[in-house]
Protein backbone atom coordinates (compact mmCIF):
# COMPACT_ATOMS: atom_id res chain seq x y z
CA MET A 1 0.01 0.09 0.07
CA ALA A 2 1.25 3.43 -0.93
CA ASP A 3 2.25 6.05 1.74
CA ARG A 4 -0.29 8.85 1.87
CA LYS A 5 1.56 11.16 4.23
CA ARG A 6 1.05 14.84 3.37
CA ILE A 7 3.95 16.82 2.16
CA GLY A 8 4.95 19.73 4.26
CA ARG A 9 5.20 22.16 1.47
CA PRO A 10 2.74 25.00 1.09
CA ALA A 11 0.16 25.05 -1.66
CA SER A 12 0.97 26.72 -4.68
CA ARG A 13 0.37 30.20 -5.01
CA GLN A 14 -1.99 29.72 -7.99
CA GLY A 15 -4.58 28.31 -6.17
CA ARG A 16 -4.75 31.56 -4.01
CA VAL A 17 -4.30 33.58 -7.11
CA GLU A 18 -7.04 31.93 -8.80
CA ALA A 19 -9.59 32.07 -5.71
CA VAL A 20 -8.89 35.89 -5.34
CA VAL A 21 -9.34 36.68 -8.93
CA TRP A 22 -12.83 34.82 -8.96
CA LEU A 23 -13.74 36.25 -5.79
CA GLY A 24 -12.98 39.96 -7.33
CA LEU A 25 -14.96 38.92 -10.32
CA ALA A 26 -18.09 37.97 -8.60
CA VAL A 27 -18.18 40.88 -6.21
CA ALA A 28 -17.71 43.18 -9.12
CA ALA A 29 -20.35 41.47 -10.93
CA ILE A 30 -22.90 41.71 -7.68
CA ILE A 31 -22.12 45.25 -7.67
CA VAL A 32 -23.17 45.50 -11.48
CA THR A 33 -26.53 43.98 -10.77
CA PHE A 34 -27.67 47.09 -8.68
CA GLU A 35 -27.90 48.97 -11.61
CA PHE A 36 -30.67 46.57 -12.99
CA ASP A 37 -32.75 45.93 -9.89
CA GLY A 38 -35.86 46.96 -10.76
CA PRO A 39 -39.06 45.30 -9.78
CA LEU A 40 -40.94 42.96 -12.44
CA PRO A 41 -44.53 42.32 -12.78
CA THR A 42 -44.00 38.68 -12.86
CA PHE A 43 -41.31 37.93 -10.58
CA GLU A 44 -41.25 39.74 -7.25
CA PHE A 45 -37.74 39.30 -6.30
CA GLY A 46 -36.55 41.34 -9.40
CA ALA A 47 -34.24 40.90 -12.36
CA ALA A 48 -31.02 40.78 -10.43
CA PHE A 49 -32.30 38.07 -7.99
CA TRP A 50 -30.91 34.92 -10.04
CA PRO A 51 -27.42 36.56 -11.21
CA ARG A 52 -26.98 37.38 -7.58
CA VAL A 53 -27.74 33.74 -6.64
CA VAL A 54 -25.03 32.75 -9.40
CA PHE A 55 -22.66 34.93 -8.06
CA ALA A 56 -23.11 34.36 -4.47
CA GLY A 57 -22.42 30.49 -5.33
CA ILE A 58 -19.07 31.88 -7.19
CA ILE A 59 -18.04 33.64 -4.17
CA VAL A 60 -18.56 30.64 -1.74
CA ALA A 61 -16.60 28.23 -4.28
CA ALA A 62 -13.73 30.69 -4.24
CA GLY A 63 -13.80 31.04 -0.60
CA VAL A 64 -13.45 27.38 -0.36
CA LEU A 65 -10.75 27.23 -2.96
CA LEU A 66 -8.85 30.07 -0.89
CA VAL A 67 -9.14 28.41 2.45
CA THR A 68 -8.33 24.89 1.01
CA SER A 69 -5.38 26.67 -1.05
CA HIS A 70 -3.97 28.12 2.05
CA PHE A 71 -4.21 25.16 4.80
CA VAL A 72 -3.80 22.06 2.86
CA GLY A 73 -0.31 21.34 1.64
CA ALA A 74 0.23 20.39 -1.91
CA ARG A 75 0.65 16.59 -2.42
CA LYS A 76 2.96 14.62 -4.85
CA PRO A 77 0.97 12.47 -7.11
CA GLU A 78 1.30 8.74 -7.22
CA PRO A 79 2.26 7.27 -10.72
CA THR A 80 -0.60 4.92 -11.47
CA PHE A 81 0.99 3.08 -14.49
CA ASP A 82 4.30 2.26 -15.72
CA ASP A 83 6.22 3.87 -18.55
CA ARG A 84 5.17 0.94 -21.07
CA THR A 85 1.46 1.74 -20.81
CA THR A 86 2.34 5.60 -21.42
CA ASP A 87 4.49 4.49 -24.36
CA ALA A 88 1.61 2.69 -25.74
CA LEU A 89 -0.82 5.24 -25.16
CA SER A 90 0.93 8.27 -27.03
CA GLU A 91 1.11 6.16 -30.20
CA ASP A 92 -2.54 5.89 -30.30
CA ALA A 93 -3.29 9.34 -28.86
CA ALA A 94 -1.87 10.80 -31.95
CA ARG A 95 -4.58 9.35 -34.40
CA VAL A 96 -7.88 10.94 -34.98
CA THR A 97 -10.79 8.32 -34.84
CA ARG A 98 -14.45 8.49 -35.78
CA LYS A 99 -15.49 8.79 -32.12
CA THR A 100 -12.94 11.81 -31.82
CA LEU A 101 -14.78 13.61 -34.92
CA ALA A 102 -18.15 12.83 -33.39
CA ILE A 103 -17.32 13.96 -30.12
CA PHE A 104 -16.69 17.55 -31.82
CA ALA A 105 -19.18 17.54 -34.40
CA ILE A 106 -22.32 16.15 -32.47
CA PRO A 107 -22.65 19.46 -30.52
CA LEU A 108 -22.41 21.44 -33.47
CA VAL A 109 -25.55 19.54 -35.16
CA TYR A 110 -27.23 20.09 -31.72
CA VAL A 111 -26.86 23.87 -31.61
CA TYR A 112 -27.98 23.84 -35.30
CA ALA A 113 -30.76 21.54 -34.50
CA ILE A 114 -31.81 23.46 -31.68
CA HIS A 115 -32.62 26.45 -33.82
CA GLN A 116 -34.47 24.15 -36.33
CA VAL A 117 -36.31 21.76 -34.07
CA GLY A 118 -36.44 23.25 -30.77
CA PHE A 119 -34.51 22.89 -27.14
CA LEU A 120 -37.35 20.79 -25.75
CA LEU A 121 -37.31 18.10 -28.40
CA VAL A 122 -33.87 17.98 -29.16
CA THR A 123 -32.04 17.78 -25.82
CA PRO A 124 -33.28 14.52 -24.75
CA ILE A 125 -31.89 13.13 -27.82
CA PHE A 126 -28.78 14.68 -27.41
CA LEU A 127 -28.01 13.98 -23.99
CA LEU A 128 -28.81 10.13 -24.58
CA GLY A 129 -26.95 9.81 -28.01
CA TYR A 130 -23.93 11.87 -26.33
CA MET A 131 -23.40 10.09 -23.16
CA TYR A 132 -23.64 6.63 -25.07
CA LEU A 133 -21.18 8.01 -27.34
CA LEU A 134 -18.81 8.91 -24.40
CA GLY A 135 -19.16 5.09 -23.12
CA VAL A 136 -21.95 5.09 -20.93
CA ARG A 137 -23.57 1.79 -21.62
CA GLY A 138 -26.15 0.90 -19.05
CA TRP A 139 -29.50 2.02 -19.98
CA VAL A 140 -30.66 2.71 -16.84
CA THR A 141 -28.10 5.03 -15.97
CA LEU A 142 -28.50 6.39 -19.70
CA ILE A 143 -32.12 6.99 -18.97
CA ALA A 144 -32.16 8.22 -15.42
CA VAL A 145 -29.41 10.85 -16.25
CA THR A 146 -31.24 12.10 -19.32
CA VAL A 147 -34.58 12.29 -17.42
CA GLY A 148 -32.98 13.83 -14.43
CA PHE A 149 -30.89 16.50 -16.16
CA TYR A 150 -33.53 17.41 -18.73
CA GLY A 151 -35.94 17.87 -15.85
CA ALA A 152 -33.90 19.93 -13.98
CA ILE A 153 -33.04 22.06 -16.84
CA VAL A 154 -36.49 22.48 -17.65
CA LEU A 155 -37.61 22.99 -14.02
CA ILE A 156 -35.01 25.77 -13.89
CA PHE A 157 -35.23 27.42 -16.90
CA VAL A 158 -39.06 27.09 -17.73
CA LYS A 159 -40.52 27.15 -14.15
CA LEU A 160 -38.35 29.27 -11.92
CA ILE A 161 -36.63 31.70 -14.34
CA TYR A 162 -38.86 32.16 -17.05
CA THR A 163 -36.38 31.76 -19.64
CA PRO A 164 -37.40 31.34 -23.12
CA LEU A 165 -35.88 28.44 -24.80
CA PRO A 166 -35.43 28.32 -28.62
CA GLN A 167 -38.43 26.86 -29.87
CA GLY A 168 -37.74 25.89 -33.46
CA ALA A 169 -38.98 26.72 -36.66
CA GLY A 170 -42.29 26.05 -38.05
CA PHE A 171 -44.33 23.18 -37.22
CA PHE A 172 -41.75 22.60 -34.33
CA HIS A 173 -42.02 26.34 -33.11
CA SER A 174 -45.86 25.46 -32.31
CA LEU A 175 -45.42 22.16 -30.87
CA ASN A 176 -42.58 23.52 -28.21
CA GLY A 177 -44.89 26.28 -27.85
CA GLN A 178 -47.65 23.89 -26.78
CA LEU A 179 -45.09 21.86 -24.42
CA ILE A 180 -43.95 25.04 -22.77
CA GLY A 181 -47.68 25.92 -22.23
CA LEU A 182 -47.95 22.45 -20.60
CA ILE A 183 -44.99 22.90 -18.22
CA GLN A 184 -45.97 26.11 -17.18
């Protein structure tokens, strides 16, 4: 079993600098939200509520990063495989496969399809297919993650924030409008 003692070196400055930059950006962004904090007729908390929630989350995450980078020492990574495995991987990594091309091309097709067919109809198909392409093979996992993630997106953007999602063109525009009407 490998020795997992902490090394007494302090953490690199990079973690602290990153945390301070994120804190600065989030505080500046919250200050900017006071410029558009007017009341809305359909949302009592105002237009700046959800941006402030997001920026508050960034502040909390940056604070955690700052604290952990200050108190937790840097650890020396342990090798997980030998040089023979690394050499074999480097030769295969240089090839461009169909799967690699699909990983980059399918999101582009998805973005195009959103504007033609609509977000509500294309997204579950995209999530299911993309996870399968990336190696998830269990159908229960595929369906559960797709339904859960899709449901969370629809709940947050359609029910809570009232954000208009792309509805597609022609017949699909009407169909997506009907779906949004059912959800709201």
